[in-house]
Amino acid sequence: IAMRALGDPDAFLPSDLGVRRAAA
């Protein structure tokens, strides 16, 4: 919500499955 609704450019989703898969 901070990322896409409020527009915080530094919002981060380290627990997101897609992010974790890409990081690995």
PDBML (XML) file of the C-alpha atoms, coordinates in Angstrom:
<?xml version="1.0" encoding="UTF-8" ?>
<PDBx:datablock datablockName="MODEL"
   xmlns:PDBx="http://pdbml.pdb.org/schema/pdbx-v50.xsd"
   xmlns:xsi="http://www.w3.org/2001/XMLSchema-instance"
   xsi:schemaLocation="http://pdbml.pdb.org/schema/pdbx-v50.xsd pdbx-v50.xsd">
   <PDBx:atom_siteCategory>
      <PDBx:atom_site id="1">
         <PDBx:B_iso_or_equiv>0.00</PDBx:B_iso_or_equiv>
         <PDBx:Cartn_x>0.000</PDBx:Cartn_x>
         <PDBx:Cartn_y>0.000</PDBx:Cartn_y>
         <PDBx:Cartn_z>0.000</PDBx:Cartn_z>
         <PDBx:auth_asym_id>A</PDBx:auth_asym_id>
         <PDBx:auth_atom_id>CA</PDBx:auth_atom_id>
         <PDBx:auth_comp_id>ILE</PDBx:auth_comp_id>
         <PDBx:auth_seq_id>1</PDBx:auth_seq_id>
         <PDBx:group_PDB>ATOM</PDBx:group_PDB>
         <PDBx:label_alt_id xsi:nil="true" />
         <PDBx:label_asym_id>A</PDBx:label_asym_id>
         <PDBx:label_atom_id>CA</PDBx:label_atom_id>
         <PDBx:label_comp_id>ILE</PDBx:label_comp_id>
         <PDBx:label_entity_id>1</PDBx:label_entity_id>
         <PDBx:label_seq_id>1</PDBx:label_seq_id>
         <PDBx:occupancy>1.00</PDBx:occupancy>
         <PDBx:pdbx_PDB_model_num>1</PDBx:pdbx_PDB_model_num>
         <PDBx:type_symbol>C</PDBx:type_symbol>
      </PDBx:atom_site>
      <PDBx:atom_site id="2">
         <PDBx:B_iso_or_equiv>0.00</PDBx:B_iso_or_equiv>
         <PDBx:Cartn_x>2.875</PDBx:Cartn_x>
         <PDBx:Cartn_y>2.376</PDBx:Cartn_y>
         <PDBx:Cartn_z>0.798</PDBx:Cartn_z>
         <PDBx:auth_asym_id>A</PDBx:auth_asym_id>
         <PDBx:auth_atom_id>CA</PDBx:auth_atom_id>
         <PDBx:auth_comp_id>ALA</PDBx:auth_comp_id>
         <PDBx:auth_seq_id>2</PDBx:auth_seq_id>
         <PDBx:group_PDB>ATOM</PDBx:group_PDB>
         <PDBx:label_alt_id xsi:nil="true" />
         <PDBx:label_asym_id>A</PDBx:label_asym_id>
         <PDBx:label_atom_id>CA</PDBx:label_atom_id>
         <PDBx:label_comp_id>ALA</PDBx:label_comp_id>
         <PDBx:label_entity_id>1</PDBx:label_entity_id>
         <PDBx:label_seq_id>2</PDBx:label_seq_id>
         <PDBx:occupancy>1.00</PDBx:occupancy>
         <PDBx:pdbx_PDB_model_num>1</PDBx:pdbx_PDB_model_num>
         <PDBx:type_symbol>C</PDBx:type_symbol>
      </PDBx:atom_site>
      <PDBx:atom_site id="3">
         <PDBx:B_iso_or_equiv>0.00</PDBx:B_iso_or_equiv>
         <PDBx:Cartn_x>4.418</PDBx:Cartn_x>
         <PDBx:Cartn_y>1.589</PDBx:Cartn_y>
         <PDBx:Cartn_z>-2.595</PDBx:Cartn_z>
         <PDBx:auth_asym_id>A</PDBx:auth_asym_id>
         <PDBx:auth_atom_id>CA</PDBx:auth_atom_id>
         <PDBx:auth_comp_id>MET</PDBx:auth_comp_id>
         <PDBx:auth_seq_id>3</PDBx:auth_seq_id>
         <PDBx:group_PDB>ATOM</PDBx:group_PDB>
         <PDBx:label_alt_id xsi:nil="true" />
         <PDBx:label_asym_id>A</PDBx:label_asym_id>
         <PDBx:label_atom_id>CA</PDBx:label_atom_id>
         <PDBx:label_comp_id>MET</PDBx:label_comp_id>
         <PDBx:label_entity_id>1</PDBx:label_entity_id>
         <PDBx:label_seq_id>3</PDBx:label_seq_id>
         <PDBx:occupancy>1.00</PDBx:occupancy>
         <PDBx:pdbx_PDB_model_num>1</PDBx:pdbx_PDB_model_num>
         <PDBx:type_symbol>C</PDBx:type_symbol>
      </PDBx:atom_site>
      <PDBx:atom_site id="4">
         <PDBx:B_iso_or_equiv>0.00</PDBx:B_iso_or_equiv>
         <PDBx:Cartn_x>1.437</PDBx:Cartn_x>
         <PDBx:Cartn_y>1.684</PDBx:Cartn_y>
         <PDBx:Cartn_z>-4.920</PDBx:Cartn_z>
         <PDBx:auth_asym_id>A</PDBx:auth_asym_id>
         <PDBx:auth_atom_id>CA</PDBx:auth_atom_id>
         <PDBx:auth_comp_id>ARG</PDBx:auth_comp_id>
         <PDBx:auth_seq_id>4</PDBx:auth_seq_id>
         <PDBx:group_PDB>ATOM</PDBx:group_PDB>
         <PDBx:label_alt_id xsi:nil="true" />
         <PDBx:label_asym_id>A</PDBx:label_asym_id>
         <PDBx:label_atom_id>CA</PDBx:label_atom_id>
         <PDBx:label_comp_id>ARG</PDBx:label_comp_id>
         <PDBx:label_entity_id>1</PDBx:label_entity_id>
         <PDBx:label_seq_id>4</PDBx:label_seq_id>
         <PDBx:occupancy>1.00</PDBx:occupancy>
         <PDBx:pdbx_PDB_model_num>1</PDBx:pdbx_PDB_model_num>
         <PDBx:type_symbol>C</PDBx:type_symbol>
      </PDBx:atom_site>
      <PDBx:atom_site id="5">
         <PDBx:B_iso_or_equiv>0.00</PDBx:B_iso_or_equiv>
         <PDBx:Cartn_x>-1.197</PDBx:Cartn_x>
         <PDBx:Cartn_y>3.756</PDBx:Cartn_y>
         <PDBx:Cartn_z>-3.111</PDBx:Cartn_z>
         <PDBx:auth_asym_id>A</PDBx:auth_asym_id>
         <PDBx:auth_atom_id>CA</PDBx:auth_atom_id>
         <PDBx:auth_comp_id>ALA</PDBx:auth_comp_id>
         <PDBx:auth_seq_id>5</PDBx:auth_seq_id>
         <PDBx:group_PDB>ATOM</PDBx:group_PDB>
         <PDBx:label_alt_id xsi:nil="true" />
         <PDBx:label_asym_id>A</PDBx:label_asym_id>
         <PDBx:label_atom_id>CA</PDBx:label_atom_id>
         <PDBx:label_comp_id>ALA</PDBx:label_comp_id>
         <PDBx:label_entity_id>1</PDBx:label_entity_id>
         <PDBx:label_seq_id>5</PDBx:label_seq_id>
         <PDBx:occupancy>1.00</PDBx:occupancy>
         <PDBx:pdbx_PDB_model_num>1</PDBx:pdbx_PDB_model_num>
         <PDBx:type_symbol>C</PDBx:type_symbol>
      </PDBx:atom_site>
      <PDBx:atom_site id="6">
         <PDBx:B_iso_or_equiv>0.00</PDBx:B_iso_or_equiv>
         <PDBx:Cartn_x>0.879</PDBx:Cartn_x>
         <PDBx:Cartn_y>6.300</PDBx:Cartn_y>
         <PDBx:Cartn_z>-1.180</PDBx:Cartn_z>
         <PDBx:auth_asym_id>A</PDBx:auth_asym_id>
         <PDBx:auth_atom_id>CA</PDBx:auth_atom_id>
         <PDBx:auth_comp_id>LEU</PDBx:auth_comp_id>
         <PDBx:auth_seq_id>6</PDBx:auth_seq_id>
         <PDBx:group_PDB>ATOM</PDBx:group_PDB>
         <PDBx:label_alt_id xsi:nil="true" />
         <PDBx:label_asym_id>A</PDBx:label_asym_id>
         <PDBx:label_atom_id>CA</PDBx:label_atom_id>
         <PDBx:label_comp_id>LEU</PDBx:label_comp_id>
         <PDBx:label_entity_id>1</PDBx:label_entity_id>
         <PDBx:label_seq_id>6</PDBx:label_seq_id>
         <PDBx:occupancy>1.00</PDBx:occupancy>
         <PDBx:pdbx_PDB_model_num>1</PDBx:pdbx_PDB_model_num>
         <PDBx:type_symbol>C</PDBx:type_symbol>
      </PDBx:atom_site>
      <PDBx:atom_site id="7">
         <PDBx:B_iso_or_equiv>0.00</PDBx:B_iso_or_equiv>
         <PDBx:Cartn_x>3.759</PDBx:Cartn_x>
         <PDBx:Cartn_y>6.526</PDBx:Cartn_y>
         <PDBx:Cartn_z>-3.658</PDBx:Cartn_z>
         <PDBx:auth_asym_id>A</PDBx:auth_asym_id>
         <PDBx:auth_atom_id>CA</PDBx:auth_atom_id>
         <PDBx:auth_comp_id>GLY</PDBx:auth_comp_id>
         <PDBx:auth_seq_id>7</PDBx:auth_seq_id>
         <PDBx:group_PDB>ATOM</PDBx:group_PDB>
         <PDBx:label_alt_id xsi:nil="true" />
         <PDBx:label_asym_id>A</PDBx:label_asym_id>
         <PDBx:label_atom_id>CA</PDBx:label_atom_id>
         <PDBx:label_comp_id>GLY</PDBx:label_comp_id>
         <PDBx:label_entity_id>1</PDBx:label_entity_id>
         <PDBx:label_seq_id>7</PDBx:label_seq_id>
         <PDBx:occupancy>1.00</PDBx:occupancy>
         <PDBx:pdbx_PDB_model_num>1</PDBx:pdbx_PDB_model_num>
         <PDBx:type_symbol>C</PDBx:type_symbol>
      </PDBx:atom_site>
      <PDBx:atom_site id="8">
         <PDBx:B_iso_or_equiv>0.00</PDBx:B_iso_or_equiv>
         <PDBx:Cartn_x>6.697</PDBx:Cartn_x>
         <PDBx:Cartn_y>5.969</PDBx:Cartn_y>
         <PDBx:Cartn_z>-1.306</PDBx:Cartn_z>
         <PDBx:auth_asym_id>A</PDBx:auth_asym_id>
         <PDBx:auth_atom_id>CA</PDBx:auth_atom_id>
         <PDBx:auth_comp_id>ASP</PDBx:auth_comp_id>
         <PDBx:auth_seq_id>8</PDBx:auth_seq_id>
         <PDBx:group_PDB>ATOM</PDBx:group_PDB>
         <PDBx:label_alt_id xsi:nil="true" />
         <PDBx:label_asym_id>A</PDBx:label_asym_id>
         <PDBx:label_atom_id>CA</PDBx:label_atom_id>
         <PDBx:label_comp_id>ASP</PDBx:label_comp_id>
         <PDBx:label_entity_id>1</PDBx:label_entity_id>
         <PDBx:label_seq_id>8</PDBx:label_seq_id>
         <PDBx:occupancy>1.00</PDBx:occupancy>
         <PDBx:pdbx_PDB_model_num>1</PDBx:pdbx_PDB_model_num>
         <PDBx:type_symbol>C</PDBx:type_symbol>
      </PDBx:atom_site>
      <PDBx:atom_site id="9">
         <PDBx:B_iso_or_equiv>0.00</PDBx:B_iso_or_equiv>
         <PDBx:Cartn_x>9.637</PDBx:Cartn_x>
         <PDBx:Cartn_y>5.300</PDBx:Cartn_y>
         <PDBx:Cartn_z>-3.681</PDBx:Cartn_z>
         <PDBx:auth_asym_id>A</PDBx:auth_asym_id>
         <PDBx:auth_atom_id>CA</PDBx:auth_atom_id>
         <PDBx:auth_comp_id>PRO</PDBx:auth_comp_id>
         <PDBx:auth_seq_id>9</PDBx:auth_seq_id>
         <PDBx:group_PDB>ATOM</PDBx:group_PDB>
         <PDBx:label_alt_id xsi:nil="true" />
         <PDBx:label_asym_id>A</PDBx:label_asym_id>
         <PDBx:label_atom_id>CA</PDBx:label_atom_id>
         <PDBx:label_comp_id>PRO</PDBx:label_comp_id>
         <PDBx:label_entity_id>1</PDBx:label_entity_id>
         <PDBx:label_seq_id>9</PDBx:label_seq_id>
         <PDBx:occupancy>1.00</PDBx:occupancy>
         <PDBx:pdbx_PDB_model_num>1</PDBx:pdbx_PDB_model_num>
         <PDBx:type_symbol>C</PDBx:type_symbol>
      </PDBx:atom_site>
      <PDBx:atom_site id="10">
         <PDBx:B_iso_or_equiv>0.00</PDBx:B_iso_or_equiv>
         <PDBx:Cartn_x>11.504</PDBx:Cartn_x>
         <PDBx:Cartn_y>3.472</PDBx:Cartn_y>
         <PDBx:Cartn_z>-0.928</PDBx:Cartn_z>
         <PDBx:auth_asym_id>A</PDBx:auth_asym_id>
         <PDBx:auth_atom_id>CA</PDBx:auth_atom_id>
         <PDBx:auth_comp_id>ASP</PDBx:auth_comp_id>
         <PDBx:auth_seq_id>10</PDBx:auth_seq_id>
         <PDBx:group_PDB>ATOM</PDBx:group_PDB>
         <PDBx:label_alt_id xsi:nil="true" />
         <PDBx:label_asym_id>A</PDBx:label_asym_id>
         <PDBx:label_atom_id>CA</PDBx:label_atom_id>
         <PDBx:label_comp_id>ASP</PDBx:label_comp_id>
         <PDBx:label_entity_id>1</PDBx:label_entity_id>
         <PDBx:label_seq_id>10</PDBx:label_seq_id>
         <PDBx:occupancy>1.00</PDBx:occupancy>
         <PDBx:pdbx_PDB_model_num>1</PDBx:pdbx_PDB_model_num>
         <PDBx:type_symbol>C</PDBx:type_symbol>
      </PDBx:atom_site>
      <PDBx:atom_site id="11">
         <PDBx:B_iso_or_equiv>0.00</PDBx:B_iso_or_equiv>
         <PDBx:Cartn_x>8.775</PDBx:Cartn_x>
         <PDBx:Cartn_y>0.973</PDBx:Cartn_y>
         <PDBx:Cartn_z>0.011</PDBx:Cartn_z>
         <PDBx:auth_asym_id>A</PDBx:auth_asym_id>
         <PDBx:auth_atom_id>CA</PDBx:auth_atom_id>
         <PDBx:auth_comp_id>ALA</PDBx:auth_comp_id>
         <PDBx:auth_seq_id>11</PDBx:auth_seq_id>
         <PDBx:group_PDB>ATOM</PDBx:group_PDB>
         <PDBx:label_alt_id xsi:nil="true" />
         <PDBx:label_asym_id>A</PDBx:label_asym_id>
         <PDBx:label_atom_id>CA</PDBx:label_atom_id>
         <PDBx:label_comp_id>ALA</PDBx:label_comp_id>
         <PDBx:label_entity_id>1</PDBx:label_entity_id>
         <PDBx:label_seq_id>11</PDBx:label_seq_id>
         <PDBx:occupancy>1.00</PDBx:occupancy>
         <PDBx:pdbx_PDB_model_num>1</PDBx:pdbx_PDB_model_num>
         <PDBx:type_symbol>C</PDBx:type_symbol>
      </PDBx:atom_site>
      <PDBx:atom_site id="12">
         <PDBx:B_iso_or_equiv>0.00</PDBx:B_iso_or_equiv>
         <PDBx:Cartn_x>10.197</PDBx:Cartn_x>
         <PDBx:Cartn_y>-2.541</PDBx:Cartn_y>
         <PDBx:Cartn_z>0.051</PDBx:Cartn_z>
         <PDBx:auth_asym_id>A</PDBx:auth_asym_id>
         <PDBx:auth_atom_id>CA</PDBx:auth_atom_id>
         <PDBx:auth_comp_id>PHE</PDBx:auth_comp_id>
         <PDBx:auth_seq_id>12</PDBx:auth_seq_id>
         <PDBx:group_PDB>ATOM</PDBx:group_PDB>
         <PDBx:label_alt_id xsi:nil="true" />
         <PDBx:label_asym_id>A</PDBx:label_asym_id>
         <PDBx:label_atom_id>CA</PDBx:label_atom_id>
         <PDBx:label_comp_id>PHE</PDBx:label_comp_id>
         <PDBx:label_entity_id>1</PDBx:label_entity_id>
         <PDBx:label_seq_id>12</PDBx:label_seq_id>
         <PDBx:occupancy>1.00</PDBx:occupancy>
         <PDBx:pdbx_PDB_model_num>1</PDBx:pdbx_PDB_model_num>
         <PDBx:type_symbol>C</PDBx:type_symbol>
      </PDBx:atom_site>
      <PDBx:atom_site id="13">
         <PDBx:B_iso_or_equiv>0.00</PDBx:B_iso_or_equiv>
         <PDBx:Cartn_x>8.752</PDBx:Cartn_x>
         <PDBx:Cartn_y>-6.081</PDBx:Cartn_y>
         <PDBx:Cartn_z>0.025</PDBx:Cartn_z>
         <PDBx:auth_asym_id>A</PDBx:auth_asym_id>
         <PDBx:auth_atom_id>CA</PDBx:auth_atom_id>
         <PDBx:auth_comp_id>LEU</PDBx:auth_comp_id>
         <PDBx:auth_seq_id>13</PDBx:auth_seq_id>
         <PDBx:group_PDB>ATOM</PDBx:group_PDB>
         <PDBx:label_alt_id xsi:nil="true" />
         <PDBx:label_asym_id>A</PDBx:label_asym_id>
         <PDBx:label_atom_id>CA</PDBx:label_atom_id>
         <PDBx:label_comp_id>LEU</PDBx:label_comp_id>
         <PDBx:label_entity_id>1</PDBx:label_entity_id>
         <PDBx:label_seq_id>13</PDBx:label_seq_id>
         <PDBx:occupancy>1.00</PDBx:occupancy>
         <PDBx:pdbx_PDB_model_num>1</PDBx:pdbx_PDB_model_num>
         <PDBx:type_symbol>C</PDBx:type_symbol>
      </PDBx:atom_site>
      <PDBx:atom_site id="14">
         <PDBx:B_iso_or_equiv>0.00</PDBx:B_iso_or_equiv>
         <PDBx:Cartn_x>11.518</PDBx:Cartn_x>
         <PDBx:Cartn_y>-8.427</PDBx:Cartn_y>
         <PDBx:Cartn_z>1.241</PDBx:Cartn_z>
         <PDBx:auth_asym_id>A</PDBx:auth_asym_id>
         <PDBx:auth_atom_id>CA</PDBx:auth_atom_id>
         <PDBx:auth_comp_id>PRO</PDBx:auth_comp_id>
         <PDBx:auth_seq_id>14</PDBx:auth_seq_id>
         <PDBx:group_PDB>ATOM</PDBx:group_PDB>
         <PDBx:label_alt_id xsi:nil="true" />
         <PDBx:label_asym_id>A</PDBx:label_asym_id>
         <PDBx:label_atom_id>CA</PDBx:label_atom_id>
         <PDBx:label_comp_id>PRO</PDBx:label_comp_id>
         <PDBx:label_entity_id>1</PDBx:label_entity_id>
         <PDBx:label_seq_id>14</PDBx:label_seq_id>
         <PDBx:occupancy>1.00</PDBx:occupancy>
         <PDBx:pdbx_PDB_model_num>1</PDBx:pdbx_PDB_model_num>
         <PDBx:type_symbol>C</PDBx:type_symbol>
      </PDBx:atom_site>
      <PDBx:atom_site id="15">
         <PDBx:B_iso_or_equiv>0.00</PDBx:B_iso_or_equiv>
         <PDBx:Cartn_x>9.004</PDBx:Cartn_x>
         <PDBx:Cartn_y>-11.142</PDBx:Cartn_y>
         <PDBx:Cartn_z>2.182</PDBx:Cartn_z>
         <PDBx:auth_asym_id>A</PDBx:auth_asym_id>
         <PDBx:auth_atom_id>CA</PDBx:auth_atom_id>
         <PDBx:auth_comp_id>SER</PDBx:auth_comp_id>
         <PDBx:auth_seq_id>15</PDBx:auth_seq_id>
         <PDBx:group_PDB>ATOM</PDBx:group_PDB>
         <PDBx:label_alt_id xsi:nil="true" />
         <PDBx:label_asym_id>A</PDBx:label_asym_id>
         <PDBx:label_atom_id>CA</PDBx:label_atom_id>
         <PDBx:label_comp_id>SER</PDBx:label_comp_id>
         <PDBx:label_entity_id>1</PDBx:label_entity_id>
         <PDBx:label_seq_id>15</PDBx:label_seq_id>
         <PDBx:occupancy>1.00</PDBx:occupancy>
         <PDBx:pdbx_PDB_model_num>1</PDBx:pdbx_PDB_model_num>
         <PDBx:type_symbol>C</PDBx:type_symbol>
      </PDBx:atom_site>
      <PDBx:atom_site id="16">
         <PDBx:B_iso_or_equiv>0.00</PDBx:B_iso_or_equiv>
         <PDBx:Cartn_x>7.280</PDBx:Cartn_x>
         <PDBx:Cartn_y>-11.165</PDBx:Cartn_y>
         <PDBx:Cartn_z>-1.221</PDBx:Cartn_z>
         <PDBx:auth_asym_id>A</PDBx:auth_asym_id>
         <PDBx:auth_atom_id>CA</PDBx:auth_atom_id>
         <PDBx:auth_comp_id>ASP</PDBx:auth_comp_id>
         <PDBx:auth_seq_id>16</PDBx:auth_seq_id>
         <PDBx:group_PDB>ATOM</PDBx:group_PDB>
         <PDBx:label_alt_id xsi:nil="true" />
         <PDBx:label_asym_id>A</PDBx:label_asym_id>
         <PDBx:label_atom_id>CA</PDBx:label_atom_id>
         <PDBx:label_comp_id>ASP</PDBx:label_comp_id>
         <PDBx:label_entity_id>1</PDBx:label_entity_id>
         <PDBx:label_seq_id>16</PDBx:label_seq_id>
         <PDBx:occupancy>1.00</PDBx:occupancy>
         <PDBx:pdbx_PDB_model_num>1</PDBx:pdbx_PDB_model_num>
         <PDBx:type_symbol>C</PDBx:type_symbol>
      </PDBx:atom_site>
      <PDBx:atom_site id="17">
         <PDBx:B_iso_or_equiv>0.00</PDBx:B_iso_or_equiv>
         <PDBx:Cartn_x>7.619</PDBx:Cartn_x>
         <PDBx:Cartn_y>-14.559</PDBx:Cartn_y>
         <PDBx:Cartn_z>-2.879</PDBx:Cartn_z>
         <PDBx:auth_asym_id>A</PDBx:auth_asym_id>
         <PDBx:auth_atom_id>CA</PDBx:auth_atom_id>
         <PDBx:auth_comp_id>LEU</PDBx:auth_comp_id>
         <PDBx:auth_seq_id>17</PDBx:auth_seq_id>
         <PDBx:group_PDB>ATOM</PDBx:group_PDB>
         <PDBx:label_alt_id xsi:nil="true" />
         <PDBx:label_asym_id>A</PDBx:label_asym_id>
         <PDBx:label_atom_id>CA</PDBx:label_atom_id>
         <PDBx:label_comp_id>LEU</PDBx:label_comp_id>
         <PDBx:label_entity_id>1</PDBx:label_entity_id>
         <PDBx:label_seq_id>17</PDBx:label_seq_id>
         <PDBx:occupancy>1.00</PDBx:occupancy>
         <PDBx:pdbx_PDB_model_num>1</PDBx:pdbx_PDB_model_num>
         <PDBx:type_symbol>C</PDBx:type_symbol>
      </PDBx:atom_site>
      <PDBx:atom_site id="18">
         <PDBx:B_iso_or_equiv>0.00</PDBx:B_iso_or_equiv>
         <PDBx:Cartn_x>8.482</PDBx:Cartn_x>
         <PDBx:Cartn_y>-13.092</PDBx:Cartn_y>
         <PDBx:Cartn_z>-6.282</PDBx:Cartn_z>
         <PDBx:auth_asym_id>A</PDBx:auth_asym_id>
         <PDBx:auth_atom_id>CA</PDBx:auth_atom_id>
         <PDBx:auth_comp_id>GLY</PDBx:auth_comp_id>
         <PDBx:auth_seq_id>18</PDBx:auth_seq_id>
         <PDBx:group_PDB>ATOM</PDBx:group_PDB>
         <PDBx:label_alt_id xsi:nil="true" />
         <PDBx:label_asym_id>A</PDBx:label_asym_id>
         <PDBx:label_atom_id>CA</PDBx:label_atom_id>
         <PDBx:label_comp_id>GLY</PDBx:label_comp_id>
         <PDBx:label_entity_id>1</PDBx:label_entity_id>
         <PDBx:label_seq_id>18</PDBx:label_seq_id>
         <PDBx:occupancy>1.00</PDBx:occupancy>
         <PDBx:pdbx_PDB_model_num>1</PDBx:pdbx_PDB_model_num>
         <PDBx:type_symbol>C</PDBx:type_symbol>
      </PDBx:atom_site>
      <PDBx:atom_site id="19">
         <PDBx:B_iso_or_equiv>0.00</PDBx:B_iso_or_equiv>
         <PDBx:Cartn_x>11.118</PDBx:Cartn_x>
         <PDBx:Cartn_y>-10.798</PDBx:Cartn_y>
         <PDBx:Cartn_z>-4.791</PDBx:Cartn_z>
         <PDBx:auth_asym_id>A</PDBx:auth_asym_id>
         <PDBx:auth_atom_id>CA</PDBx:auth_atom_id>
         <PDBx:auth_comp_id>VAL</PDBx:auth_comp_id>
         <PDBx:auth_seq_id>19</PDBx:auth_seq_id>
         <PDBx:group_PDB>ATOM</PDBx:group_PDB>
         <PDBx:label_alt_id xsi:nil="true" />
         <PDBx:label_asym_id>A</PDBx:label_asym_id>
         <PDBx:label_atom_id>CA</PDBx:label_atom_id>
         <PDBx:label_comp_id>VAL</PDBx:label_comp_id>
         <PDBx:label_entity_id>1</PDBx:label_entity_id>
         <PDBx:label_seq_id>19</PDBx:label_seq_id>
         <PDBx:occupancy>1.00</PDBx:occupancy>
         <PDBx:pdbx_PDB_model_num>1</PDBx:pdbx_PDB_model_num>
         <PDBx:type_symbol>C</PDBx:type_symbol>
      </PDBx:atom_site>
      <PDBx:atom_site id="20">
         <PDBx:B_iso_or_equiv>0.00</PDBx:B_iso_or_equiv>
         <PDBx:Cartn_x>12.695</PDBx:Cartn_x>
         <PDBx:Cartn_y>-13.625</PDBx:Cartn_y>
         <PDBx:Cartn_z>-2.785</PDBx:Cartn_z>
         <PDBx:auth_asym_id>A</PDBx:auth_asym_id>
         <PDBx:auth_atom_id>CA</PDBx:auth_atom_id>
         <PDBx:auth_comp_id>ARG</PDBx:auth_comp_id>
         <PDBx:auth_seq_id>20</PDBx:auth_seq_id>
         <PDBx:group_PDB>ATOM</PDBx:group_PDB>
         <PDBx:label_alt_id xsi:nil="true" />
         <PDBx:label_asym_id>A</PDBx:label_asym_id>
         <PDBx:label_atom_id>CA</PDBx:label_atom_id>
         <PDBx:label_comp_id>ARG</PDBx:label_comp_id>
         <PDBx:label_entity_id>1</PDBx:label_entity_id>
         <PDBx:label_seq_id>20</PDBx:label_seq_id>
         <PDBx:occupancy>1.00</PDBx:occupancy>
         <PDBx:pdbx_PDB_model_num>1</PDBx:pdbx_PDB_model_num>
         <PDBx:type_symbol>C</PDBx:type_symbol>
      </PDBx:atom_site>
      <PDBx:atom_site id="21">
         <PDBx:B_iso_or_equiv>0.00</PDBx:B_iso_or_equiv>
         <PDBx:Cartn_x>12.712</PDBx:Cartn_x>
         <PDBx:Cartn_y>-15.956</PDBx:Cartn_y>
         <PDBx:Cartn_z>-5.791</PDBx:Cartn_z>
         <PDBx:auth_asym_id>A</PDBx:auth_asym_id>
         <PDBx:auth_atom_id>CA</PDBx:auth_atom_id>
         <PDBx:auth_comp_id>ARG</PDBx:auth_comp_id>
         <PDBx:auth_seq_id>21</PDBx:auth_seq_id>
         <PDBx:group_PDB>ATOM</PDBx:group_PDB>
         <PDBx:label_alt_id xsi:nil="true" />
         <PDBx:label_asym_id>A</PDBx:label_asym_id>
         <PDBx:label_atom_id>CA</PDBx:label_atom_id>
         <PDBx:label_comp_id>ARG</PDBx:label_comp_id>
         <PDBx:label_entity_id>1</PDBx:label_entity_id>
         <PDBx:label_seq_id>21</PDBx:label_seq_id>
         <PDBx:occupancy>1.00</PDBx:occupancy>
         <PDBx:pdbx_PDB_model_num>1</PDBx:pdbx_PDB_model_num>
         <PDBx:type_symbol>C</PDBx:type_symbol>
      </PDBx:atom_site>
      <PDBx:atom_site id="22">
         <PDBx:B_iso_or_equiv>0.00</PDBx:B_iso_or_equiv>
         <PDBx:Cartn_x>14.339</PDBx:Cartn_x>
         <PDBx:Cartn_y>-13.293</PDBx:Cartn_y>
         <PDBx:Cartn_z>-7.979</PDBx:Cartn_z>
         <PDBx:auth_asym_id>A</PDBx:auth_asym_id>
         <PDBx:auth_atom_id>CA</PDBx:auth_atom_id>
         <PDBx:auth_comp_id>ALA</PDBx:auth_comp_id>
         <PDBx:auth_seq_id>22</PDBx:auth_seq_id>
         <PDBx:group_PDB>ATOM</PDBx:group_PDB>
         <PDBx:label_alt_id xsi:nil="true" />
         <PDBx:label_asym_id>A</PDBx:label_asym_id>
         <PDBx:label_atom_id>CA</PDBx:label_atom_id>
         <PDBx:label_comp_id>ALA</PDBx:label_comp_id>
         <PDBx:label_entity_id>1</PDBx:label_entity_id>
         <PDBx:label_seq_id>22</PDBx:label_seq_id>
         <PDBx:occupancy>1.00</PDBx:occupancy>
         <PDBx:pdbx_PDB_model_num>1</PDBx:pdbx_PDB_model_num>
         <PDBx:type_symbol>C</PDBx:type_symbol>
      </PDBx:atom_site>
      <PDBx:atom_site id="23">
         <PDBx:B_iso_or_equiv>0.00</PDBx:B_iso_or_equiv>
         <PDBx:Cartn_x>16.899</PDBx:Cartn_x>
         <PDBx:Cartn_y>-12.476</PDBx:Cartn_y>
         <PDBx:Cartn_z>-5.291</PDBx:Cartn_z>
         <PDBx:auth_asym_id>A</PDBx:auth_asym_id>
         <PDBx:auth_atom_id>CA</PDBx:auth_atom_id>
         <PDBx:auth_comp_id>ALA</PDBx:auth_comp_id>
         <PDBx:auth_seq_id>23</PDBx:auth_seq_id>
         <PDBx:group_PDB>ATOM</PDBx:group_PDB>
         <PDBx:label_alt_id xsi:nil="true" />
         <PDBx:label_asym_id>A</PDBx:label_asym_id>
         <PDBx:label_atom_id>CA</PDBx:label_atom_id>
         <PDBx:label_comp_id>ALA</PDBx:label_comp_id>
         <PDBx:label_entity_id>1</PDBx:label_entity_id>
         <PDBx:label_seq_id>23</PDBx:label_seq_id>
         <PDBx:occupancy>1.00</PDBx:occupancy>
         <PDBx:pdbx_PDB_model_num>1</PDBx:pdbx_PDB_model_num>
         <PDBx:type_symbol>C</PDBx:type_symbol>
      </PDBx:atom_site>
      <PDBx:atom_site id="24">
         <PDBx:B_iso_or_equiv>0.00</PDBx:B_iso_or_equiv>
         <PDBx:Cartn_x>17.914</PDBx:Cartn_x>
         <PDBx:Cartn_y>-16.107</PDBx:Cartn_y>
         <PDBx:Cartn_z>-4.980</PDBx:Cartn_z>
         <PDBx:auth_asym_id>A</PDBx:auth_asym_id>
         <PDBx:auth_atom_id>CA</PDBx:auth_atom_id>
         <PDBx:auth_comp_id>ALA</PDBx:auth_comp_id>
         <PDBx:auth_seq_id>24</PDBx:auth_seq_id>
         <PDBx:group_PDB>ATOM</PDBx:group_PDB>
         <PDBx:label_alt_id xsi:nil="true" />
         <PDBx:label_asym_id>A</PDBx:label_asym_id>
         <PDBx:label_atom_id>CA</PDBx:label_atom_id>
         <PDBx:label_comp_id>ALA</PDBx:label_comp_id>
         <PDBx:label_entity_id>1</PDBx:label_entity_id>
         <PDBx:label_seq_id>24</PDBx:label_seq_id>
         <PDBx:occupancy>1.00</PDBx:occupancy>
         <PDBx:pdbx_PDB_model_num>1</PDBx:pdbx_PDB_model_num>
         <PDBx:type_symbol>C</PDBx:type_symbol>
      </PDBx:atom_site>
   </PDBx:atom_siteCategory>
</PDBx:datablock>
